Amino acid sequence: MIQGPARPADFLQLARPHQWSKSVFVLVGPFYGLRELAAAGASAASVVLAAVIAASAFALASSGCYVINDIFDREADRAHPRKKSRPIAAGRVPLGTAWFYALALFVVGFALVLFLPPEGRGWVALSMALYVANVSAYSAYFKHKVIADVMSLSLGFVLRVMGGCAAVGIEPSVWLLNVTFFLSMFLAFGKRLGERRTLAAVEAEVRHAAPALAVAHRRVQAGYTDALLQMAVVVTAVITLMTYALYVTDHGTRYVVGFNLLWLTMLPATYGLLRIIVKLEHGVFDDPTEIALHDRGVQAAGLLFAALTVALMWLLKP
């Protein structure tokens, strides 16, 4: 099913640069540890540079993983109303070329690690290698296993966080790892639910067939139900918020000016997560990442959360 020679735009689409936003998880550890690192004598510029290099390396590695995933998913993608136009599924990029492209992305990604401080290179490279191995195992096996598919995806985000911490020489806290893990599970379950809602919204007359359409696109959907996914999305959202709330409580003494000002960040965090659930339920998006990139409400919540956190971290005494 070849539709003509591949274009540069096809390779850009295969890399999914819009998904590079997920590399923000690489920056989370350095962001929260920047003040302490600066107090220990590290320059802010060197910390930011190392974090950006690590994020870029993970972004390229993730692109290589996306290419491999598209290779495995090419038949299923042809059953999806939007994904059928992907370059491999549509036949615009041959399989041999796609494999070579994935390898090139991996090589460039791991080459970037060489620009990191020597003491962090090995740990970042190990985190990236584990990330690639995990995503490859997901594409080949775990993606077809109920719950294990979501846990594998979530582990990928945790490895991003650990790689970012390693790049700047800090230890990831349990709070950070827990919030990352459960937030990632929320996003993954949300994607499963969003796929069902999106497919159901394609044509009103085939809404009753949405589960079958979802299974045709993603085989693991056969093990899920709408009710289970709705429950899983809500439960993981609540656990994420509760874990972050406990972090706010545990670190309250650092931000007290009359009361614990860090509590204010709970407001945009809660609004953002619940708005994502609303959008998924209405079939507006089938990917929470797409919501974050295109929904102004979620974007406003994210910006307010970041602005409040930065202000509190840098304006108040540690």
C-alpha atoms as a PDB file:
ATOM      1  CA  MET A   1       0.000   0.000   0.000  1.00  0.00           C
ATOM      2  CA  ILE A   2       2.693   2.478  -1.058  1.00  0.00           C
ATOM      3  CA  GLN A   3       1.382   5.972  -1.782  1.00  0.00           C
ATOM      4  CA  GLY A   4       4.512   7.515  -3.221  1.00  0.00           C
ATOM      5  CA  PRO A   5       7.949   8.587  -1.960  1.00  0.00           C
ATOM      6  CA  ALA A   6       8.283   9.771   1.622  1.00  0.00           C
ATOM      7  CA  ARG A   7       8.448  13.513   2.195  1.00  0.00           C
ATOM      8  CA  PRO A   8      10.395  15.365   4.906  1.00  0.00           C
ATOM      9  CA  ALA A   9       7.038  16.162   6.521  1.00  0.00           C
ATOM     10  CA  ASP A  10       6.388  12.429   6.865  1.00  0.00           C
ATOM     11  CA  PHE A  11       9.568  11.923   8.889  1.00  0.00           C
ATOM     12  CA  LEU A  12       8.710  14.914  11.049  1.00  0.00           C
ATOM     13  CA  GLN A  13       5.253  13.449  11.633  1.00  0.00           C
ATOM     14  CA  LEU A  14       6.775  10.070  12.525  1.00  0.00           C
ATOM     15  CA  ALA A  15       8.953  11.721  15.181  1.00  0.00           C
ATOM     16  CA  ARG A  16       5.812  13.253  16.737  1.00  0.00           C
ATOM     17  CA  PRO A  17       7.456  16.473  17.940  1.00  0.00           C
ATOM     18  CA  HIS A  18       4.201  17.461  19.668  1.00  0.00           C
ATOM     19  CA  GLN A  19       4.840  14.536  22.029  1.00  0.00           C
ATOM     20  CA  TRP A  20       8.152  16.052  23.073  1.00  0.00           C
ATOM     21  CA  SER A  21       6.108  17.999  25.595  1.00  0.00           C
ATOM     22  CA  LYS A  22       6.237  14.805  27.699  1.00  0.00           C
ATOM     23  CA  SER A  23       9.933  15.506  28.228  1.00  0.00           C
ATOM     24  CA  VAL A  24       8.820  18.189  30.662  1.00  0.00           C
ATOM     25  CA  PHE A  25       8.913  15.300  33.159  1.00  0.00           C
ATOM     26  CA  VAL A  26      12.706  15.282  32.705  1.00  0.00           C
ATOM     27  CA  LEU A  27      12.751  18.899  33.892  1.00  0.00           C
ATOM     28  CA  VAL A  28      10.628  18.392  37.001  1.00  0.00           C
ATOM     29  CA  GLY A  29      13.424  17.119  39.268  1.00  0.00           C
ATOM     30  CA  PRO A  30      15.920  19.847  38.268  1.00  0.00           C
ATOM     31  CA  PHE A  31      13.156  22.441  38.641  1.00  0.00           C
ATOM     32  CA  TYR A  32      12.331  21.480  42.214  1.00  0.00           C
ATOM     33  CA  GLY A  33      15.992  20.992  43.097  1.00  0.00           C
ATOM     34  CA  LEU A  34      17.344  24.140  41.420  1.00  0.00           C
ATOM     35  CA  ARG A  35      17.297  26.291  44.541  1.00  0.00           C
ATOM     36  CA  GLU A  36      19.054  23.684  46.653  1.00  0.00           C
ATOM     37  CA  LEU A  37      21.619  23.081  43.906  1.00  0.00           C
ATOM     38  CA  ALA A  38      22.281  26.811  43.656  1.00  0.00           C
ATOM     39  CA  ALA A  39      22.708  26.988  47.439  1.00  0.00           C
ATOM     40  CA  ALA A  40      25.264  24.173  47.177  1.00  0.00           C
ATOM     41  CA  GLY A  41      27.319  26.195  44.703  1.00  0.00           C
ATOM     42  CA  ALA A  42      26.033  25.012  41.322  1.00  0.00           C
ATOM     43  CA  SER A  43      25.330  27.732  38.776  1.00  0.00           C
ATOM     44  CA  ALA A  44      21.735  28.004  37.613  1.00  0.00           C
ATOM     45  CA  ALA A  45      22.910  28.118  33.992  1.00  0.00           C
ATOM     46  CA  SER A  46      24.768  24.801  34.260  1.00  0.00           C
ATOM     47  CA  VAL A  47      21.780  23.108  35.906  1.00  0.00           C
ATOM     48  CA  VAL A  48      19.358  24.405  33.281  1.00  0.00           C
ATOM     49  CA  LEU A  49      21.705  23.416  30.435  1.00  0.00           C
ATOM     50  CA  ALA A  50      22.134  19.869  31.756  1.00  0.00           C
ATOM     51  CA  ALA A  51      18.378  19.506  32.242  1.00  0.00           C
ATOM     52  CA  VAL A  52      17.616  20.742  28.722  1.00  0.00           C
ATOM     53  CA  ILE A  53      20.201  18.393  27.196  1.00  0.00           C
ATOM     54  CA  ALA A  54      18.714  15.439  29.092  1.00  0.00           C
ATOM     55  CA  ALA A  55      15.188  16.444  28.042  1.00  0.00           C
ATOM     56  CA  SER A  56      16.305  16.694  24.402  1.00  0.00           C
ATOM     57  CA  ALA A  57      17.987  13.291  24.582  1.00  0.00           C
ATOM     58  CA  PHE A  58      14.829  11.689  25.982  1.00  0.00           C
ATOM     59  CA  ALA A  59      12.722  13.472  23.371  1.00  0.00           C
ATOM     60  CA  LEU A  60      14.762  11.966  20.529  1.00  0.00           C
ATOM     61  CA  ALA A  61      14.760   8.532  22.178  1.00  0.00           C
ATOM     62  CA  SER A  62      10.982   8.757  22.555  1.00  0.00           C
ATOM     63  CA  SER A  63      10.676   9.655  18.879  1.00  0.00           C
ATOM     64  CA  GLY A  64      12.606   6.519  17.992  1.00  0.00           C
ATOM     65  CA  CYS A  65      10.224   4.535  20.186  1.00  0.00           C
ATOM     66  CA  TYR A  66       7.218   6.141  18.474  1.00  0.00           C
ATOM     67  CA  VAL A  67       8.545   5.088  15.093  1.00  0.00           C
ATOM     68  CA  ILE A  68       8.927   1.496  16.286  1.00  0.00           C
ATOM     69  CA  ASN A  69       5.457   1.624  17.818  1.00  0.00           C
ATOM     70  CA  ASP A  70       4.014   2.854  14.512  1.00  0.00           C
ATOM     71  CA  ILE A  71       5.723  -0.047  12.771  1.00  0.00           C
ATOM     72  CA  PHE A  72       4.076  -2.546  15.114  1.00  0.00           C
ATOM     73  CA  ASP A  73       0.743  -0.698  15.035  1.00  0.00           C
ATOM     74  CA  ARG A  74       0.471  -0.076  11.304  1.00  0.00           C
ATOM     75  CA  GLU A  75      -2.436  -2.491  10.771  1.00  0.00           C
ATOM     76  CA  ALA A  76      -4.384  -1.329  13.838  1.00  0.00           C
ATOM     77  CA  ASP A  77      -3.815   2.334  12.937  1.00  0.00           C
ATOM     78  CA  ARG A  78      -5.529   1.760   9.615  1.00  0.00           C
ATOM     79  CA  ALA A  79      -8.741   1.067  11.564  1.00  0.00           C
ATOM     80  CA  HIS A  80      -8.561   4.411  13.397  1.00  0.00           C
ATOM     81  CA  PRO A  81     -10.248   7.498  11.849  1.00  0.00           C
ATOM     82  CA  ARG A  82      -7.291   9.782  12.610  1.00  0.00           C
ATOM     83  CA  LYS A  83      -4.271   7.484  12.893  1.00  0.00           C
ATOM     84  CA  LYS A  84      -4.851   5.841   9.525  1.00  0.00           C
ATOM     85  CA  SER A  85      -3.120   8.848   7.955  1.00  0.00           C
ATOM     86  CA  ARG A  86       0.151   8.213   9.790  1.00  0.00           C
ATOM     87  CA  PRO A  87       3.047   7.804   7.325  1.00  0.00           C
ATOM     88  CA  ILE A  88       3.694   4.088   7.962  1.00  0.00           C
ATOM     89  CA  ALA A  89       0.033   3.089   8.182  1.00  0.00           C
ATOM     90  CA  ALA A  90      -0.707   5.057   5.017  1.00  0.00           C
ATOM     91  CA  GLY A  91       2.238   3.423   3.243  1.00  0.00           C
ATOM     92  CA  ARG A  92       4.200   6.604   2.598  1.00  0.00           C
ATOM     93  CA  VAL A  93       7.268   5.413   4.564  1.00  0.00           C
ATOM     94  CA  PRO A  94       8.551   1.868   3.824  1.00  0.00           C
ATOM     95  CA  LEU A  95       9.292  -0.400   6.782  1.00  0.00           C
ATOM     96  CA  GLY A  96      13.022  -0.600   6.057  1.00  0.00           C
ATOM     97  CA  THR A  97      13.308   3.180   5.985  1.00  0.00           C
ATOM     98  CA  ALA A  98      11.288   3.449   9.202  1.00  0.00           C
ATOM     99  CA  TRP A  99      13.599   1.043  11.050  1.00  0.00           C
ATOM    100  CA  PHE A 100      16.686   2.975   9.905  1.00  0.00           C
ATOM    101  CA  TYR A 101      15.066   6.267  10.956  1.00  0.00           C
ATOM    102  CA  ALA A 102      14.320   4.907  14.428  1.00  0.00           C
ATOM    103  CA  LEU A 103      17.933   3.775  14.832  1.00  0.00           C
ATOM    104  CA  ALA A 104      19.196   7.202  13.776  1.00  0.00           C
ATOM    105  CA  LEU A 105      17.000   8.917  16.356  1.00  0.00           C
ATOM    106  CA  PHE A 106      18.346   6.613  19.072  1.00  0.00           C
ATOM    107  CA  VAL A 107      21.965   7.261  18.059  1.00  0.00           C
ATOM    108  CA  VAL A 108      21.555  11.037  18.114  1.00  0.00           C
ATOM    109  CA  GLY A 109      19.647  10.904  21.407  1.00  0.00           C
ATOM    110  CA  PHE A 110      22.320   8.873  23.177  1.00  0.00           C
ATOM    111  CA  ALA A 111      25.053  11.028  21.615  1.00  0.00           C
ATOM    112  CA  LEU A 112      23.588  14.061  23.378  1.00  0.00           C
ATOM    113  CA  VAL A 113      24.268  12.368  26.723  1.00  0.00           C
ATOM    114  CA  LEU A 114      27.991  12.880  26.058  1.00  0.00           C
ATOM    115  CA  PHE A 115      27.474  16.618  26.548  1.00  0.00           C
ATOM    116  CA  LEU A 116      26.301  16.125  30.144  1.00  0.00           C
ATOM    117  CA  PRO A 117      28.622  16.417  33.173  1.00  0.00           C
ATOM    118  CA  PRO A 118      30.735  13.230  33.457  1.00  0.00           C
ATOM    119  CA  GLU A 119      29.318  12.203  36.834  1.00  0.00           C
ATOM    120  CA  GLY A 120      25.776  12.080  35.457  1.00  0.00           C
ATOM    121  CA  ARG A 121      26.288  10.584  32.002  1.00  0.00           C
ATOM    122  CA  GLY A 122      26.221   6.954  33.033  1.00  0.00           C
ATOM    123  CA  TRP A 123      23.019   7.243  35.061  1.00  0.00           C
ATOM    124  CA  VAL A 124      21.246   9.250  32.356  1.00  0.00           C
ATOM    125  CA  ALA A 125      22.326   6.752  29.698  1.00  0.00           C
ATOM    126  CA  LEU A 126      21.105   3.898  31.916  1.00  0.00           C
ATOM    127  CA  SER A 127      17.753   5.638  32.458  1.00  0.00           C
ATOM    128  CA  MET A 128      17.379   6.158  28.719  1.00  0.00           C
ATOM    129  CA  ALA A 129      18.351   2.561  27.952  1.00  0.00           C
ATOM    130  CA  LEU A 130      15.777   1.308  30.456  1.00  0.00           C
ATOM    131  CA  TYR A 131      13.242   3.708  28.966  1.00  0.00           C
ATOM    132  CA  VAL A 132      13.833   2.395  25.434  1.00  0.00           C
ATOM    133  CA  ALA A 133      13.757  -1.221  26.670  1.00  0.00           C
ATOM    134  CA  ASN A 134      10.511  -0.578  28.544  1.00  0.00           C
ATOM    135  CA  VAL A 135       8.827   1.095  25.568  1.00  0.00           C
ATOM    136  CA  SER A 136      10.031  -1.684  23.256  1.00  0.00           C
ATOM    137  CA  ALA A 137       8.653  -4.309  25.656  1.00  0.00           C
ATOM    138  CA  TYR A 138       5.409  -2.353  25.729  1.00  0.00           C
ATOM    139  CA  SER A 139       5.171  -2.258  21.936  1.00  0.00           C
ATOM    140  CA  ALA A 140       5.950  -5.955  21.607  1.00  0.00           C
ATOM    141  CA  TYR A 141       4.064  -7.396  24.592  1.00  0.00           C
ATOM    142  CA  PHE A 142       2.678  -5.282  27.436  1.00  0.00           C
ATOM    143  CA  LYS A 143       0.429  -3.170  25.238  1.00  0.00           C
ATOM    144  CA  HIS A 144      -1.844  -6.209  24.931  1.00  0.00           C
ATOM    145  CA  LYS A 145      -2.023  -6.882  28.700  1.00  0.00           C
ATOM    146  CA  VAL A 146      -4.703  -5.186  30.794  1.00  0.00           C
ATOM    147  CA  ILE A 147      -3.302  -2.920  33.555  1.00  0.00           C
ATOM    148  CA  ALA A 148       0.269  -3.965  32.714  1.00  0.00           C
ATOM    149  CA  ASP A 149       0.005  -1.770  29.611  1.00  0.00           C
ATOM    150  CA  VAL A 150      -0.745   1.310  31.714  1.00  0.00           C
ATOM    151  CA  MET A 151       1.904   0.485  34.315  1.00  0.00           C
ATOM    152  CA  SER A 152       4.519   0.079  31.588  1.00  0.00           C
ATOM    153  CA  LEU A 153       3.618   3.466  30.118  1.00  0.00           C
ATOM    154  CA  SER A 154       3.752   5.063  33.571  1.00  0.00           C
ATOM    155  CA  LEU A 155       7.165   3.567  34.252  1.00  0.00           C
ATOM    156  CA  GLY A 156       8.400   5.409  31.164  1.00  0.00           C
ATOM    157  CA  PHE A 157       7.505   8.740  32.772  1.00  0.00           C
ATOM    158  CA  VAL A 158       9.166   7.736  36.029  1.00  0.00           C
ATOM    159  CA  LEU A 159      12.352   6.908  34.112  1.00  0.00           C
ATOM    160  CA  ARG A 160      12.208  10.339  32.485  1.00  0.00           C
ATOM    161  CA  VAL A 161      12.084  11.939  35.931  1.00  0.00           C
ATOM    162  CA  MET A 162      14.969   9.805  37.167  1.00  0.00           C
ATOM    163  CA  GLY A 163      17.024  10.696  34.101  1.00  0.00           C
ATOM    164  CA  GLY A 164      16.477  14.406  34.695  1.00  0.00           C
ATOM    165  CA  CYS A 165      17.521  14.090  38.333  1.00  0.00           C
ATOM    166  CA  ALA A 166      20.632  12.132  37.359  1.00  0.00           C
ATOM    167  CA  ALA A 167      21.606  14.789  34.812  1.00  0.00           C
ATOM    168  CA  VAL A 168      21.941  17.440  37.527  1.00  0.00           C
ATOM    169  CA  GLY A 169      23.132  15.159  40.334  1.00  0.00           C
ATOM    170  CA  ILE A 170      20.142  15.094  42.674  1.00  0.00           C
ATOM    171  CA  GLU A 171      18.206  12.227  44.226  1.00  0.00           C
ATOM    172  CA  PRO A 172      14.527  11.970  43.198  1.00  0.00           C
ATOM    173  CA  SER A 173      12.225  12.135  46.214  1.00  0.00           C
ATOM    174  CA  VAL A 174       9.577   9.514  46.889  1.00  0.00           C
ATOM    175  CA  TRP A 175       6.956  12.262  46.607  1.00  0.00           C
ATOM    176  CA  LEU A 176       8.133  13.104  43.098  1.00  0.00           C
ATOM    177  CA  LEU A 177       8.182   9.482  41.960  1.00  0.00           C
ATOM    178  CA  ASN A 178       4.738   8.755  43.419  1.00  0.00           C
ATOM    179  CA  VAL A 179       3.074  11.792  41.872  1.00  0.00           C
ATOM    180  CA  THR A 180       4.726  11.036  38.524  1.00  0.00           C
ATOM    181  CA  PHE A 181       3.650   7.394  38.591  1.00  0.00           C
ATOM    182  CA  PHE A 182      -0.002   8.012  39.456  1.00  0.00           C
ATOM    183  CA  LEU A 183      -0.322  11.055  37.202  1.00  0.00           C
ATOM    184  CA  SER A 184       1.046   8.949  34.349  1.00  0.00           C
ATOM    185  CA  MET A 185      -1.469   6.205  35.096  1.00  0.00           C
ATOM    186  CA  PHE A 186      -4.222   8.833  35.013  1.00  0.00           C
ATOM    187  CA  LEU A 187      -3.026  10.015  31.596  1.00  0.00           C
ATOM    188  CA  ALA A 188      -2.762   6.459  30.246  1.00  0.00           C
ATOM    189  CA  PHE A 189      -6.199   5.367  31.472  1.00  0.00           C
ATOM    190  CA  GLY A 190      -7.533   8.664  30.164  1.00  0.00           C
ATOM    191  CA  LYS A 191      -6.159   7.885  26.739  1.00  0.00           C
ATOM    192  CA  ARG A 192      -7.905   4.500  26.750  1.00  0.00           C
ATOM    193  CA  LEU A 193     -11.191   6.132  27.733  1.00  0.00           C
ATOM    194  CA  GLY A 194     -10.697   8.990  25.281  1.00  0.00           C
ATOM    195  CA  GLU A 195     -10.229   6.547  22.417  1.00  0.00           C
ATOM    196  CA  ARG A 196     -13.599   4.970  23.158  1.00  0.00           C
ATOM    197  CA  ARG A 197     -15.308   8.332  23.416  1.00  0.00           C
ATOM    198  CA  THR A 198     -13.695   9.663  20.230  1.00  0.00           C
ATOM    199  CA  LEU A 199     -14.573   6.583  18.205  1.00  0.00           C
ATOM    200  CA  ALA A 200     -18.138   6.744  19.520  1.00  0.00           C
ATOM    201  CA  ALA A 201     -18.399  10.346  18.355  1.00  0.00           C
ATOM    202  CA  VAL A 202     -17.332   9.625  14.766  1.00  0.00           C
ATOM    203  CA  GLU A 203     -20.882   8.871  13.675  1.00  0.00           C
ATOM    204  CA  ALA A 204     -23.933   8.915  15.885  1.00  0.00           C
ATOM    205  CA  GLU A 205     -25.367   5.785  14.303  1.00  0.00           C
ATOM    206  CA  VAL A 206     -22.362   3.639  15.230  1.00  0.00           C
ATOM    207  CA  ARG A 207     -21.984   4.738  18.849  1.00  0.00           C
ATOM    208  CA  HIS A 208     -23.161   1.366  20.061  1.00  0.00           C
ATOM    209  CA  ALA A 209     -20.191  -0.150  18.234  1.00  0.00           C
ATOM    210  CA  ALA A 210     -17.581   2.059  19.946  1.00  0.00           C
ATOM    211  CA  PRO A 211     -16.109  -0.772  22.100  1.00  0.00           C
ATOM    212  CA  ALA A 212     -15.685  -2.953  18.997  1.00  0.00           C
ATOM    213  CA  LEU A 213     -14.058  -0.077  17.131  1.00  0.00           C
ATOM    214  CA  ALA A 214     -11.749   0.536  20.090  1.00  0.00           C
ATOM    215  CA  VAL A 215     -10.720  -3.137  20.155  1.00  0.00           C
ATOM    216  CA  ALA A 216     -10.047  -3.043  16.414  1.00  0.00           C
ATOM    217  CA  HIS A 217      -7.710  -0.122  17.015  1.00  0.00           C
ATOM    218  CA  ARG A 218      -6.126  -1.316  20.281  1.00  0.00           C
ATOM    219  CA  ARG A 219      -6.466  -5.007  21.171  1.00  0.00           C
ATOM    220  CA  VAL A 220      -6.077  -4.474  24.914  1.00  0.00           C
ATOM    221  CA  GLN A 221      -9.366  -2.542  24.876  1.00  0.00           C
ATOM    222  CA  ALA A 222     -11.080  -5.954  24.861  1.00  0.00           C
ATOM    223  CA  GLY A 223     -10.044  -6.316  28.495  1.00  0.00           C
ATOM    224  CA  TYR A 224     -11.410  -2.933  29.511  1.00  0.00           C
ATOM    225  CA  THR A 225     -14.947  -1.615  29.815  1.00  0.00           C
ATOM    226  CA  ASP A 226     -16.212   1.949  29.836  1.00  0.00           C
ATOM    227  CA  ALA A 227     -17.125   1.647  33.511  1.00  0.00           C
ATOM    228  CA  LEU A 228     -13.719   0.237  34.465  1.00  0.00           C
ATOM    229  CA  LEU A 229     -11.877   2.978  32.588  1.00  0.00           C
ATOM    230  CA  GLN A 230     -14.071   5.695  34.073  1.00  0.00           C
ATOM    231  CA  MET A 231     -13.355   4.352  37.549  1.00  0.00           C
ATOM    232  CA  ALA A 232      -9.630   3.999  36.862  1.00  0.00           C
ATOM    233  CA  VAL A 233      -9.393   7.565  35.545  1.00  0.00           C
ATOM    234  CA  VAL A 234     -11.156   8.997  38.588  1.00  0.00           C
ATOM    235  CA  VAL A 235      -9.239   6.840  41.083  1.00  0.00           C
ATOM    236  CA  THR A 236      -5.808   7.695  39.657  1.00  0.00           C
ATOM    237  CA  ALA A 237      -6.737  11.382  39.481  1.00  0.00           C
ATOM    238  CA  VAL A 238      -7.753  11.327  43.142  1.00  0.00           C
ATOM    239  CA  ILE A 239      -4.597   9.434  44.181  1.00  0.00           C
ATOM    240  CA  THR A 240      -2.464  11.934  42.261  1.00  0.00           C
ATOM    241  CA  LEU A 241      -4.130  14.884  43.960  1.00  0.00           C
ATOM    242  CA  MET A 242      -4.000  13.221  47.387  1.00  0.00           C
ATOM    243  CA  THR A 243      -0.310  12.383  46.978  1.00  0.00           C
ATOM    244  CA  TYR A 244       0.434  15.966  45.985  1.00  0.00           C
ATOM    245  CA  ALA A 245      -1.729  17.216  48.876  1.00  0.00           C
ATOM    246  CA  LEU A 246       0.374  15.138  51.288  1.00  0.00           C
ATOM    247  CA  TYR A 247       3.515  16.654  49.744  1.00  0.00           C
ATOM    248  CA  VAL A 248       2.051  20.129  50.305  1.00  0.00           C
ATOM    249  CA  THR A 249       1.329  19.226  53.936  1.00  0.00           C
ATOM    250  CA  ASP A 250       4.771  17.687  54.490  1.00  0.00           C
ATOM    251  CA  HIS A 251       6.551  20.779  53.117  1.00  0.00           C
ATOM    252  CA  GLY A 252       4.220  23.320  54.684  1.00  0.00           C
ATOM    253  CA  THR A 253       6.745  24.829  57.097  1.00  0.00           C
ATOM    254  CA  ARG A 254       8.763  26.202  54.181  1.00  0.00           C
ATOM    255  CA  TYR A 255       5.906  28.216  52.730  1.00  0.00           C
ATOM    256  CA  VAL A 256       3.984  29.533  55.740  1.00  0.00           C
ATOM    257  CA  VAL A 257       3.052  33.220  55.662  1.00  0.00           C
ATOM    258  CA  GLY A 258      -0.075  33.237  57.763  1.00  0.00           C
ATOM    259  CA  PHE A 259      -0.930  29.834  56.286  1.00  0.00           C
ATOM    260  CA  ASN A 260       0.683  27.285  53.997  1.00  0.00           C
ATOM    261  CA  LEU A 261       0.798  29.219  50.707  1.00  0.00           C
ATOM    262  CA  LEU A 262       1.794  26.082  48.804  1.00  0.00           C
ATOM    263  CA  TRP A 263      -1.830  24.978  49.254  1.00  0.00           C
ATOM    264  CA  LEU A 264      -2.771  27.543  46.584  1.00  0.00           C
ATOM    265  CA  THR A 265      -1.182  25.289  43.964  1.00  0.00           C
ATOM    266  CA  MET A 266      -3.827  22.679  44.758  1.00  0.00           C
ATOM    267  CA  LEU A 267      -6.450  24.842  43.036  1.00  0.00           C
ATOM    268  CA  PRO A 268      -5.047  24.806  39.462  1.00  0.00           C
ATOM    269  CA  ALA A 269      -3.884  21.196  39.897  1.00  0.00           C
ATOM    270  CA  THR A 270      -7.390  20.064  40.823  1.00  0.00           C
ATOM    271  CA  TYR A 271      -9.060  22.121  38.104  1.00  0.00           C
ATOM    272  CA  GLY A 272      -6.663  20.882  35.415  1.00  0.00           C
ATOM    273  CA  LEU A 273      -7.097  17.182  36.184  1.00  0.00           C
ATOM    274  CA  LEU A 274     -10.884  17.385  36.475  1.00  0.00           C
ATOM    275  CA  ARG A 275     -11.164  19.409  33.261  1.00  0.00           C
ATOM    276  CA  ILE A 276      -9.208  16.696  31.442  1.00  0.00           C
ATOM    277  CA  ILE A 277     -11.762  14.138  32.663  1.00  0.00           C
ATOM    278  CA  VAL A 278     -14.623  16.291  31.364  1.00  0.00           C
ATOM    279  CA  LYS A 279     -13.008  16.658  27.940  1.00  0.00           C
ATOM    280  CA  LEU A 280     -12.280  12.924  27.705  1.00  0.00           C
ATOM    281  CA  GLU A 281     -15.870  12.050  28.638  1.00  0.00           C
ATOM    282  CA  HIS A 282     -17.207  14.301  25.889  1.00  0.00           C
ATOM    283  CA  GLY A 283     -14.972  12.697  23.268  1.00  0.00           C
ATOM    284  CA  VAL A 284     -13.276  16.005  22.454  1.00  0.00           C
ATOM    285  CA  PHE A 285      -9.818  14.418  22.534  1.00  0.00           C
ATOM    286  CA  ASP A 286      -8.497  10.867  22.679  1.00  0.00           C
ATOM    287  CA  ASP A 287      -5.155  11.826  24.216  1.00  0.00           C
ATOM    288  CA  PRO A 288      -4.613  13.926  27.372  1.00  0.00           C
ATOM    289  CA  THR A 289      -1.403  15.246  25.817  1.00  0.00           C
ATOM    290  CA  GLU A 290      -3.458  16.712  22.985  1.00  0.00           C
ATOM    291  CA  ILE A 291      -5.724  18.339  25.568  1.00  0.00           C
ATOM    292  CA  ALA A 292      -2.734  19.956  27.268  1.00  0.00           C
ATOM    293  CA  LEU A 293      -1.547  21.334  23.933  1.00  0.00           C
ATOM    294  CA  HIS A 294      -4.894  22.623  22.665  1.00  0.00           C
ATOM    295  CA  ASP A 295      -7.279  23.257  25.563  1.00  0.00           C
ATOM    296  CA  ARG A 296      -6.954  26.756  26.981  1.00  0.00           C
ATOM    297  CA  GLY A 297      -8.460  25.807  30.326  1.00  0.00           C
ATOM    298  CA  VAL A 298      -5.872  23.081  30.932  1.00  0.00           C
ATOM    299  CA  GLN A 299      -3.108  25.356  29.656  1.00  0.00           C
ATOM    300  CA  ALA A 300      -4.194  28.157  31.995  1.00  0.00           C
ATOM    301  CA  ALA A 301      -4.254  25.733  34.943  1.00  0.00           C
ATOM    302  CA  GLY A 302      -0.766  24.477  34.085  1.00  0.00           C
ATOM    303  CA  LEU A 303       0.659  27.974  33.726  1.00  0.00           C
ATOM    304  CA  LEU A 304      -0.917  29.132  36.989  1.00  0.00           C
ATOM    305  CA  PHE A 305       0.408  26.055  38.793  1.00  0.00           C
ATOM    306  CA  ALA A 306       3.917  26.685  37.445  1.00  0.00           C
ATOM    307  CA  ALA A 307       3.788  30.425  38.212  1.00  0.00           C
ATOM    308  CA  LEU A 308       2.644  29.872  41.802  1.00  0.00           C
ATOM    309  CA  THR A 309       5.253  27.179  42.393  1.00  0.00           C
ATOM    310  CA  VAL A 310       8.093  29.316  41.008  1.00  0.00           C
ATOM    311  CA  ALA A 311       7.005  32.342  43.008  1.00  0.00           C
ATOM    312  CA  LEU A 312       6.796  30.380  46.250  1.00  0.00           C
ATOM    313  CA  MET A 313      10.053  28.524  45.724  1.00  0.00           C
ATOM    314  CA  TRP A 314      12.098  31.627  44.967  1.00  0.00           C
ATOM    315  CA  LEU A 315      10.428  34.376  46.964  1.00  0.00           C
ATOM    316  CA  LEU A 316      10.157  32.596  50.313  1.00  0.00           C
ATOM    317  CA  LYS A 317      12.975  31.395  52.506  1.00  0.00           C
ATOM    318  CA  PRO A 318      13.784  27.661  52.323  1.00  0.00           C
END
